[in-house]
Amino acid sequence: MVLIVNSIDFIPEAHCYLKINNGRIDLTSQQSNIRKIESEIIDEIEIEPEQVAEFKIEYHKAFLKRWISENNINMNFDEVWEIREKCITNLTKNAS
């Protein structure tokens, strides 16, 4: 609903998963299924475990800033990031 209210089809999200022997495994939760998002992966980079926190967040922010500019999104980064946070909050509530 948050995306609809703000007239956005989607917001790219950074997500970590394991890649073993060219196969992807999502261990985020017991309900996680990489096949649900595999076809929607826009960019894939390899990171080290210690990069999951700070590096991933900074990479995601830089990616979103480029995405906003390249797609002529009629909002600034802070507005898009706030909408993203609301979406995550809603997803978390629905998962419980």
PDB file of N, CA and C in Angstrom:
ATOM      1  N   MET A   1       0.816  -1.187   0.000  1.00  0.00           N
ATOM      2  CA  MET A   1       0.000   0.000   0.000  1.00  0.00           C
ATOM      3  C   MET A   1       0.868   1.264   0.000  1.00  0.00           C
ATOM      4  N   VAL A   2       1.997   1.214   0.716  1.00  0.00           N
ATOM      5  CA  VAL A   2       2.877   2.375   0.802  1.00  0.00           C
ATOM      6  C   VAL A   2       3.376   2.777  -0.588  1.00  0.00           C
ATOM      7  N   LEU A   3       3.738   1.798  -1.400  1.00  0.00           N
ATOM      8  CA  LEU A   3       4.212   2.103  -2.750  1.00  0.00           C
ATOM      9  C   LEU A   3       3.104   2.713  -3.600  1.00  0.00           C
ATOM     10  N   ILE A   4       1.919   2.162  -3.512  1.00  0.00           N
ATOM     11  CA  ILE A   4       0.787   2.666  -4.302  1.00  0.00           C
ATOM     12  C   ILE A   4       0.482   4.112  -3.932  1.00  0.00           C
ATOM     13  N   VAL A   5       0.407   4.391  -2.642  1.00  0.00           N
ATOM     14  CA  VAL A   5       0.104   5.744  -2.166  1.00  0.00           C
ATOM     15  C   VAL A   5       1.142   6.748  -2.686  1.00  0.00           C
ATOM     16  N   ASN A   6       2.385   6.291  -2.838  1.00  0.00           N
ATOM     17  CA  ASN A   6       3.463   7.168  -3.286  1.00  0.00           C
ATOM     18  C   ASN A   6       3.762   7.047  -4.774  1.00  0.00           C
ATOM     19  N   SER A   7       2.901   6.336  -5.491  1.00  0.00           N
ATOM     20  CA  SER A   7       3.024   6.178  -6.954  1.00  0.00           C
ATOM     21  C   SER A   7       4.383   5.628  -7.384  1.00  0.00           C
ATOM     22  N   ILE A   8       4.835   4.593  -6.669  1.00  0.00           N
ATOM     23  CA  ILE A   8       6.093   3.914  -7.018  1.00  0.00           C
ATOM     24  C   ILE A   8       5.772   2.440  -7.260  1.00  0.00           C
ATOM     25  N   ASP A   9       6.275   1.909  -8.364  1.00  0.00           N
ATOM     26  CA  ASP A   9       6.058   0.493  -8.664  1.00  0.00           C
ATOM     27  C   ASP A   9       6.896  -0.404  -7.756  1.00  0.00           C
ATOM     28  N   PHE A  10       8.136   0.018  -7.504  1.00  0.00           N
ATOM     29  CA  PHE A  10       9.037  -0.768  -6.651  1.00  0.00           C
ATOM     30  C   PHE A  10      10.206   0.109  -6.232  1.00  0.00           C
ATOM     31  N   ILE A  11      10.904  -0.335  -5.207  1.00  0.00           N
ATOM     32  CA  ILE A  11      12.159   0.291  -4.790  1.00  0.00           C
ATOM     33  C   ILE A  11      13.191  -0.829  -4.741  1.00  0.00           C
ATOM     34  N   PRO A  12      14.298  -0.681  -5.455  1.00  0.00           N
ATOM     35  CA  PRO A  12      15.333  -1.728  -5.400  1.00  0.00           C
ATOM     36  C   PRO A  12      15.821  -1.919  -3.965  1.00  0.00           C
ATOM     37  N   GLU A  13      16.008  -3.159  -3.580  1.00  0.00           N
ATOM     38  CA  GLU A  13      16.423  -3.479  -2.213  1.00  0.00           C
ATOM     39  C   GLU A  13      17.708  -4.304  -2.248  1.00  0.00           C
ATOM     40  N   ALA A  14      18.642  -3.956  -1.387  1.00  0.00           N
ATOM     41  CA  ALA A  14      19.866  -4.743  -1.244  1.00  0.00           C
ATOM     42  C   ALA A  14      19.552  -5.955  -0.377  1.00  0.00           C
ATOM     43  N   HIS A  15      20.015  -7.110  -0.807  1.00  0.00           N
ATOM     44  CA  HIS A  15      19.719  -8.330  -0.069  1.00  0.00           C
ATOM     45  C   HIS A  15      20.949  -9.231  -0.109  1.00  0.00           C
ATOM     46  N   CYS A  16      21.255  -9.844   0.998  1.00  0.00           N
ATOM     47  CA  CYS A  16      22.396 -10.760   1.061  1.00  0.00           C
ATOM     48  C   CYS A  16      21.922 -12.203   1.029  1.00  0.00           C
ATOM     49  N   TYR A  17      22.664 -13.008   0.305  1.00  0.00           N
ATOM     50  CA  TYR A  17      22.429 -14.450   0.243  1.00  0.00           C
ATOM     51  C   TYR A  17      23.768 -15.113  -0.036  1.00  0.00           C
ATOM     52  N   LEU A  18      23.810 -16.406   0.125  1.00  0.00           N
ATOM     53  CA  LEU A  18      25.034 -17.151  -0.155  1.00  0.00           C
ATOM     54  C   LEU A  18      24.998 -17.662  -1.583  1.00  0.00           C
ATOM     55  N   LYS A  19      26.163 -17.693  -2.199  1.00  0.00           N
ATOM     56  CA  LYS A  19      26.269 -18.281  -3.531  1.00  0.00           C
ATOM     57  C   LYS A  19      27.319 -19.378  -3.433  1.00  0.00           C
ATOM     58  N   ILE A  20      26.859 -20.607  -3.617  1.00  0.00           N
ATOM     59  CA  ILE A  20      27.731 -21.765  -3.489  1.00  0.00           C
ATOM     60  C   ILE A  20      27.618 -22.591  -4.765  1.00  0.00           C
ATOM     61  N   ASN A  21      28.762 -22.826  -5.422  1.00  0.00           N
ATOM     62  CA  ASN A  21      28.774 -23.588  -6.681  1.00  0.00           C
ATOM     63  C   ASN A  21      27.737 -23.050  -7.676  1.00  0.00           C
ATOM     64  N   ASN A  22      27.691 -21.740  -7.835  1.00  0.00           N
ATOM     65  CA  ASN A  22      26.768 -21.041  -8.743  1.00  0.00           C
ATOM     66  C   ASN A  22      25.299 -21.175  -8.360  1.00  0.00           C
ATOM     67  N   GLY A  23      25.007 -21.743  -7.204  1.00  0.00           N
ATOM     68  CA  GLY A  23      23.631 -21.809  -6.709  1.00  0.00           C
ATOM     69  C   GLY A  23      23.441 -20.790  -5.595  1.00  0.00           C
ATOM     70  N   ARG A  24      22.285 -20.171  -5.555  1.00  0.00           N
ATOM     71  CA  ARG A  24      21.989 -19.158  -4.537  1.00  0.00           C
ATOM     72  C   ARG A  24      21.157 -19.768  -3.410  1.00  0.00           C
ATOM     73  N   ILE A  25      21.504 -19.390  -2.165  1.00  0.00           N
ATOM     74  CA  ILE A  25      20.786 -19.868  -0.984  1.00  0.00           C
ATOM     75  C   ILE A  25      20.500 -18.661  -0.091  1.00  0.00           C
ATOM     76  N   ASP A  26      19.237 -18.477   0.268  1.00  0.00           N
ATOM     77  CA  ASP A  26      18.847 -17.369   1.143  1.00  0.00           C
ATOM     78  C   ASP A  26      18.541 -17.933   2.528  1.00  0.00           C
ATOM     79  N   LEU A  27      19.346 -17.542   3.497  1.00  0.00           N
ATOM     80  CA  LEU A  27      19.179 -18.024   4.866  1.00  0.00           C
ATOM     81  C   LEU A  27      18.647 -16.931   5.794  1.00  0.00           C
ATOM     82  N   THR A  28      18.009 -15.911   5.226  1.00  0.00           N
ATOM     83  CA  THR A  28      17.506 -14.795   6.017  1.00  0.00           C
ATOM     84  C   THR A  28      16.533 -15.275   7.088  1.00  0.00           C
ATOM     85  N   SER A  29      15.624 -16.147   6.715  1.00  0.00           N
ATOM     86  CA  SER A  29      14.678 -16.723   7.674  1.00  0.00           C
ATOM     87  C   SER A  29      14.259 -18.101   7.163  1.00  0.00           C
ATOM     88  N   GLN A  30      13.495 -18.810   7.966  1.00  0.00           N
ATOM     89  CA  GLN A  30      13.021 -20.134   7.538  1.00  0.00           C
ATOM     90  C   GLN A  30      12.059 -20.030   6.363  1.00  0.00           C
ATOM     91  N   GLN A  31      11.404 -18.892   6.205  1.00  0.00           N
ATOM     92  CA  GLN A  31      10.444 -18.712   5.114  1.00  0.00           C
ATOM     93  C   GLN A  31      11.110 -18.184   3.834  1.00  0.00           C
ATOM     94  N   SER A  32      12.367 -17.787   3.916  1.00  0.00           N
ATOM     95  CA  SER A  32      13.053 -17.218   2.755  1.00  0.00           C
ATOM     96  C   SER A  32      13.193 -18.247   1.643  1.00  0.00           C
ATOM     97  N   ASN A  33      12.950 -17.784   0.432  1.00  0.00           N
ATOM     98  CA  ASN A  33      13.074 -18.647  -0.738  1.00  0.00           C
ATOM     99  C   ASN A  33      13.671 -17.805  -1.857  1.00  0.00           C
ATOM    100  N   ILE A  34      14.921 -18.045  -2.178  1.00  0.00           N
ATOM    101  CA  ILE A  34      15.626 -17.250  -3.177  1.00  0.00           C
ATOM    102  C   ILE A  34      14.930 -17.293  -4.538  1.00  0.00           C
ATOM    103  N   ARG A  35      14.214 -18.356  -4.823  1.00  0.00           N
ATOM    104  CA  ARG A  35      13.535 -18.468  -6.119  1.00  0.00           C
ATOM    105  C   ARG A  35      12.460 -17.381  -6.298  1.00  0.00           C
ATOM    106  N   LYS A  36      11.948 -16.860  -5.175  1.00  0.00           N
ATOM    107  CA  LYS A  36      10.931 -15.804  -5.250  1.00  0.00           C
ATOM    108  C   LYS A  36      11.507 -14.491  -5.784  1.00  0.00           C
ATOM    109  N   ILE A  37      12.796 -14.274  -5.586  1.00  0.00           N
ATOM    110  CA  ILE A  37      13.394 -13.005  -6.021  1.00  0.00           C
ATOM    111  C   ILE A  37      14.456 -13.167  -7.105  1.00  0.00           C
ATOM    112  N   GLU A  38      14.845 -14.392  -7.403  1.00  0.00           N
ATOM    113  CA  GLU A  38      15.952 -14.642  -8.325  1.00  0.00           C
ATOM    114  C   GLU A  38      15.799 -13.925  -9.667  1.00  0.00           C
ATOM    115  N   SER A  39      14.613 -13.935 -10.230  1.00  0.00           N
ATOM    116  CA  SER A  39      14.403 -13.332 -11.543  1.00  0.00           C
ATOM    117  C   SER A  39      14.416 -11.806 -11.493  1.00  0.00           C
ATOM    118  N   GLU A  40      14.384 -11.244 -10.299  1.00  0.00           N
ATOM    119  CA  GLU A  40      14.331  -9.790 -10.145  1.00  0.00           C
ATOM    120  C   GLU A  40      15.662  -9.176  -9.716  1.00  0.00           C
ATOM    121  N   ILE A  41      16.712  -9.992  -9.653  1.00  0.00           N
ATOM    122  CA  ILE A  41      18.016  -9.473  -9.245  1.00  0.00           C
ATOM    123  C   ILE A  41      18.527  -8.527 -10.329  1.00  0.00           C
ATOM    124  N   ILE A  42      18.810  -7.294  -9.929  1.00  0.00           N
ATOM    125  CA  ILE A  42      19.271  -6.262 -10.856  1.00  0.00           C
ATOM    126  C   ILE A  42      20.790  -6.260 -10.946  1.00  0.00           C
ATOM    127  N   ASP A  43      21.432  -6.419  -9.813  1.00  0.00           N
ATOM    128  CA  ASP A  43      22.885  -6.335  -9.729  1.00  0.00           C
ATOM    129  C   ASP A  43      23.345  -7.318  -8.669  1.00  0.00           C
ATOM    130  N   GLU A  44      24.465  -7.943  -8.912  1.00  0.00           N
ATOM    131  CA  GLU A  44      24.972  -8.913  -7.950  1.00  0.00           C
ATOM    132  C   GLU A  44      26.461  -8.661  -7.763  1.00  0.00           C
ATOM    133  N   ILE A  45      26.862  -8.438  -6.513  1.00  0.00           N
ATOM    134  CA  ILE A  45      28.279  -8.267  -6.210  1.00  0.00           C
ATOM    135  C   ILE A  45      28.650  -9.220  -5.089  1.00  0.00           C
ATOM    136  N   GLU A  46      29.888  -9.619  -5.076  1.00  0.00           N
ATOM    137  CA  GLU A  46      30.385 -10.489  -4.020  1.00  0.00           C
ATOM    138  C   GLU A  46      30.982  -9.628  -2.923  1.00  0.00           C
ATOM    139  N   ILE A  47      30.576  -9.893  -1.686  1.00  0.00           N
ATOM    140  CA  ILE A  47      31.134  -9.179  -0.549  1.00  0.00           C
ATOM    141  C   ILE A  47      31.622 -10.183   0.493  1.00  0.00           C
ATOM    142  N   GLU A  48      32.450  -9.699   1.377  1.00  0.00           N
ATOM    143  CA  GLU A  48      32.955 -10.511   2.480  1.00  0.00           C
ATOM    144  C   GLU A  48      31.996 -10.379   3.668  1.00  0.00           C
ATOM    145  N   PRO A  49      31.969 -11.353   4.566  1.00  0.00           N
ATOM    146  CA  PRO A  49      31.043 -11.296   5.707  1.00  0.00           C
ATOM    147  C   PRO A  49      31.110  -9.984   6.496  1.00  0.00           C
ATOM    148  N   GLU A  50      32.305  -9.437   6.662  1.00  0.00           N
ATOM    149  CA  GLU A  50      32.421  -8.204   7.447  1.00  0.00           C
ATOM    150  C   GLU A  50      31.859  -6.979   6.716  1.00  0.00           C
ATOM    151  N   GLN A  51      31.484  -7.133   5.444  1.00  0.00           N
ATOM    152  CA  GLN A  51      30.914  -6.029   4.672  1.00  0.00           C
ATOM    153  C   GLN A  51      29.380  -5.997   4.729  1.00  0.00           C
ATOM    154  N   VAL A  52      28.766  -6.952   5.381  1.00  0.00           N
ATOM    155  CA  VAL A  52      27.305  -7.055   5.386  1.00  0.00           C
ATOM    156  C   VAL A  52      26.644  -5.830   6.009  1.00  0.00           C
ATOM    157  N   ALA A  53      27.257  -5.225   6.979  1.00  0.00           N
ATOM    158  CA  ALA A  53      26.625  -4.073   7.640  1.00  0.00           C
ATOM    159  C   ALA A  53      26.917  -2.769   6.900  1.00  0.00           C
ATOM    160  N   GLU A  54      28.003  -2.113   7.214  1.00  0.00           N
ATOM    161  CA  GLU A  54      28.271  -0.761   6.714  1.00  0.00           C
ATOM    162  C   GLU A  54      28.403  -0.700   5.194  1.00  0.00           C
ATOM    163  N   PHE A  55      29.221  -1.555   4.597  1.00  0.00           N
ATOM    164  CA  PHE A  55      29.426  -1.511   3.145  1.00  0.00           C
ATOM    165  C   PHE A  55      28.120  -1.725   2.391  1.00  0.00           C
ATOM    166  N   LYS A  56      27.351  -2.728   2.819  1.00  0.00           N
ATOM    167  CA  LYS A  56      26.083  -3.031   2.135  1.00  0.00           C
ATOM    168  C   LYS A  56      25.148  -1.834   2.174  1.00  0.00           C
ATOM    169  N   ILE A  57      25.049  -1.168   3.299  1.00  0.00           N
ATOM    170  CA  ILE A  57      24.162  -0.013   3.431  1.00  0.00           C
ATOM    171  C   ILE A  57      24.629   1.123   2.517  1.00  0.00           C
ATOM    172  N   GLU A  58      25.921   1.417   2.515  1.00  0.00           N
ATOM    173  CA  GLU A  58      26.445   2.494   1.676  1.00  0.00           C
ATOM    174  C   GLU A  58      26.298   2.162   0.193  1.00  0.00           C
ATOM    175  N   TYR A  59      26.522   0.904  -0.170  1.00  0.00           N
ATOM    176  CA  TYR A  59      26.343   0.475  -1.566  1.00  0.00           C
ATOM    177  C   TYR A  59      24.879   0.652  -1.978  1.00  0.00           C
ATOM    178  N   HIS A  60      23.989   0.238  -1.095  1.00  0.00           N
ATOM    179  CA  HIS A  60      22.556   0.337  -1.373  1.00  0.00           C
ATOM    180  C   HIS A  60      22.137   1.789  -1.551  1.00  0.00           C
ATOM    181  N   LYS A  61      22.603   2.668  -0.687  1.00  0.00           N
ATOM    182  CA  LYS A  61      22.255   4.085  -0.789  1.00  0.00           C
ATOM    183  C   LYS A  61      22.760   4.681  -2.102  1.00  0.00           C
ATOM    184  N   ALA A  62      23.987   4.361  -2.476  1.00  0.00           N
ATOM    185  CA  ALA A  62      24.543   4.872  -3.735  1.00  0.00           C
ATOM    186  C   ALA A  62      23.754   4.328  -4.926  1.00  0.00           C
ATOM    187  N   PHE A  63      23.380   3.050  -4.869  1.00  0.00           N
ATOM    188  CA  PHE A  63      22.588   2.441  -5.939  1.00  0.00           C
ATOM    189  C   PHE A  63      21.251   3.152  -6.070  1.00  0.00           C
ATOM    190  N   LEU A  64      20.584   3.397  -4.935  1.00  0.00           N
ATOM    191  CA  LEU A  64      19.285   4.075  -4.958  1.00  0.00           C
ATOM    192  C   LEU A  64      19.389   5.493  -5.517  1.00  0.00           C
ATOM    193  N   LYS A  65      20.436   6.199  -5.164  1.00  0.00           N
ATOM    194  CA  LYS A  65      20.618   7.555  -5.684  1.00  0.00           C
ATOM    195  C   LYS A  65      20.746   7.544  -7.206  1.00  0.00           C
ATOM    196  N   ARG A  66      21.517   6.578  -7.735  1.00  0.00           N
ATOM    197  CA  ARG A  66      21.630   6.442  -9.201  1.00  0.00           C
ATOM    198  C   ARG A  66      20.284   6.059  -9.805  1.00  0.00           C
ATOM    199  N   TRP A  67      19.572   5.125  -9.161  1.00  0.00           N
ATOM    200  CA  TRP A  67      18.280   4.649  -9.655  1.00  0.00           C
ATOM    201  C   TRP A  67      17.275   5.796  -9.715  1.00  0.00           C
ATOM    202  N   ILE A  68      17.249   6.635  -8.695  1.00  0.00           N
ATOM    203  CA  ILE A  68      16.345   7.788  -8.661  1.00  0.00           C
ATOM    204  C   ILE A  68      16.640   8.715  -9.841  1.00  0.00           C
ATOM    205  N   SER A  69      17.916   8.986 -10.052  1.00  0.00           N
ATOM    206  CA  SER A  69      18.315   9.886 -11.138  1.00  0.00           C
ATOM    207  C   SER A  69      18.047   9.274 -12.514  1.00  0.00           C
ATOM    208  N   GLU A  70      18.475   8.037 -12.719  1.00  0.00           N
ATOM    209  CA  GLU A  70      18.343   7.383 -14.025  1.00  0.00           C
ATOM    210  C   GLU A  70      16.895   7.119 -14.418  1.00  0.00           C
ATOM    211  N   ASN A  71      16.014   6.984 -13.433  1.00  0.00           N
ATOM    212  CA  ASN A  71      14.615   6.676 -13.706  1.00  0.00           C
ATOM    213  C   ASN A  71      13.690   7.877 -13.522  1.00  0.00           C
ATOM    214  N   ASN A  72      14.293   9.046 -13.357  1.00  0.00           N
ATOM    215  CA  ASN A  72      13.523  10.287 -13.204  1.00  0.00           C
ATOM    216  C   ASN A  72      12.429  10.168 -12.153  1.00  0.00           C
ATOM    217  N   ILE A  73      12.794   9.568 -11.020  1.00  0.00           N
ATOM    218  CA  ILE A  73      11.853   9.446  -9.913  1.00  0.00           C
ATOM    219  C   ILE A  73      11.628  10.851  -9.355  1.00  0.00           C
ATOM    220  N   ASN A  74      10.391  11.221  -9.191  1.00  0.00           N
ATOM    221  CA  ASN A  74      10.045  12.581  -8.790  1.00  0.00           C
ATOM    222  C   ASN A  74      10.087  12.759  -7.269  1.00  0.00           C
ATOM    223  N   MET A  75      11.129  12.207  -6.644  1.00  0.00           N
ATOM    224  CA  MET A  75      11.342  12.338  -5.207  1.00  0.00           C
ATOM    225  C   MET A  75      12.834  12.372  -4.960  1.00  0.00           C
ATOM    226  N   ASN A  76      13.212  12.911  -3.815  1.00  0.00           N
ATOM    227  CA  ASN A  76      14.636  12.897  -3.494  1.00  0.00           C
ATOM    228  C   ASN A  76      14.985  11.611  -2.735  1.00  0.00           C
ATOM    229  N   PHE A  77      16.268  11.414  -2.496  1.00  0.00           N
ATOM    230  CA  PHE A  77      16.730  10.195  -1.844  1.00  0.00           C
ATOM    231  C   PHE A  77      16.075   9.990  -0.481  1.00  0.00           C
ATOM    232  N   ASP A  78      16.026  11.043   0.332  1.00  0.00           N
ATOM    233  CA  ASP A  78      15.464  10.902   1.682  1.00  0.00           C
ATOM    234  C   ASP A  78      14.006  10.454   1.645  1.00  0.00           C
ATOM    235  N   GLU A  79      13.248  10.963   0.697  1.00  0.00           N
ATOM    236  CA  GLU A  79      11.844  10.563   0.571  1.00  0.00           C
ATOM    237  C   GLU A  79      11.729   9.089   0.181  1.00  0.00           C
ATOM    238  N   VAL A  80      12.540   8.673  -0.775  1.00  0.00           N
ATOM    239  CA  VAL A  80      12.516   7.264  -1.205  1.00  0.00           C
ATOM    240  C   VAL A  80      12.974   6.353  -0.078  1.00  0.00           C
ATOM    241  N   TRP A  81      14.017   6.761   0.645  1.00  0.00           N
ATOM    242  CA  TRP A  81      14.526   5.939   1.752  1.00  0.00           C
ATOM    243  C   TRP A  81      13.465   5.800   2.845  1.00  0.00           C
ATOM    244  N   GLU A  82      12.720   6.865   3.113  1.00  0.00           N
ATOM    245  CA  GLU A  82      11.653   6.813   4.114  1.00  0.00           C
ATOM    246  C   GLU A  82      10.538   5.848   3.678  1.00  0.00           C
ATOM    247  N   ILE A  83      10.185   5.883   2.410  1.00  0.00           N
ATOM    248  CA  ILE A  83       9.172   4.956   1.884  1.00  0.00           C
ATOM    249  C   ILE A  83       9.680   3.529   2.013  1.00  0.00           C
ATOM    250  N   ARG A  84      10.950   3.306   1.695  1.00  0.00           N
ATOM    251  CA  ARG A  84      11.564   1.978   1.832  1.00  0.00           C
ATOM    252  C   ARG A  84      11.462   1.488   3.273  1.00  0.00           C
ATOM    253  N   GLU A  85      11.773   2.367   4.221  1.00  0.00           N
ATOM    254  CA  GLU A  85      11.712   2.000   5.634  1.00  0.00           C
ATOM    255  C   GLU A  85      10.285   1.621   6.048  1.00  0.00           C
ATOM    256  N   LYS A  86       9.306   2.365   5.554  1.00  0.00           N
ATOM    257  CA  LYS A  86       7.903   2.038   5.849  1.00  0.00           C
ATOM    258  C   LYS A  86       7.542   0.674   5.274  1.00  0.00           C
ATOM    259  N   CYS A  87       8.020   0.378   4.076  1.00  0.00           N
ATOM    260  CA  CYS A  87       7.754  -0.927   3.459  1.00  0.00           C
ATOM    261  C   CYS A  87       8.353  -2.050   4.301  1.00  0.00           C
ATOM    262  N   ILE A  88       9.575  -1.854   4.762  1.00  0.00           N
ATOM    263  CA  ILE A  88      10.233  -2.878   5.579  1.00  0.00           C
ATOM    264  C   ILE A  88       9.483  -3.079   6.890  1.00  0.00           C
ATOM    265  N   THR A  89       9.037  -1.993   7.501  1.00  0.00           N
ATOM    266  CA  THR A  89       8.252  -2.095   8.726  1.00  0.00           C
ATOM    267  C   THR A  89       6.982  -2.905   8.488  1.00  0.00           C
ATOM    268  N   ASN A  90       6.303  -2.610   7.388  1.00  0.00           N
ATOM    269  CA  ASN A  90       5.074  -3.350   7.059  1.00  0.00           C
ATOM    270  C   ASN A  90       5.347  -4.818   6.775  1.00  0.00           C
ATOM    271  N   LEU A  91       6.425  -5.103   6.072  1.00  0.00           N
ATOM    272  CA  LEU A  91       6.779  -6.499   5.799  1.00  0.00           C
ATOM    273  C   LEU A  91       7.097  -7.248   7.086  1.00  0.00           C
ATOM    274  N   THR A  92       7.785  -6.578   7.994  1.00  0.00           N
ATOM    275  CA  THR A  92       8.135  -7.189   9.274  1.00  0.00           C
ATOM    276  C   THR A  92       6.884  -7.494  10.095  1.00  0.00           C
ATOM    277  N   LYS A  93       5.924  -6.562  10.090  1.00  0.00           N
ATOM    278  CA  LYS A  93       4.674  -6.778  10.816  1.00  0.00           C
ATOM    279  C   LYS A  93       3.902  -7.951  10.224  1.00  0.00           C
ATOM    280  N   ASN A  94       3.875  -8.040   8.905  1.00  0.00           N
ATOM    281  CA  ASN A  94       3.135  -9.110   8.232  1.00  0.00           C
ATOM    282  C   ASN A  94       3.789 -10.473   8.396  1.00  0.00           C
ATOM    283  N   ALA A  95       5.107 -10.480   8.605  1.00  0.00           N
ATOM    284  CA  ALA A  95       5.816 -11.743   8.773  1.00  0.00           C
ATOM    285  C   ALA A  95       5.616 -12.341  10.163  1.00  0.00           C
ATOM    286  N   SER A  96       5.214 -11.521  11.137  1.00  0.00           N
ATOM    287  CA  SER A  96       5.050 -12.039  12.507  1.00  0.00           C
ATOM    288  C   SER A  96       3.726 -12.679  12.713  1.00  0.00           C
TER     289      SER A  96
END
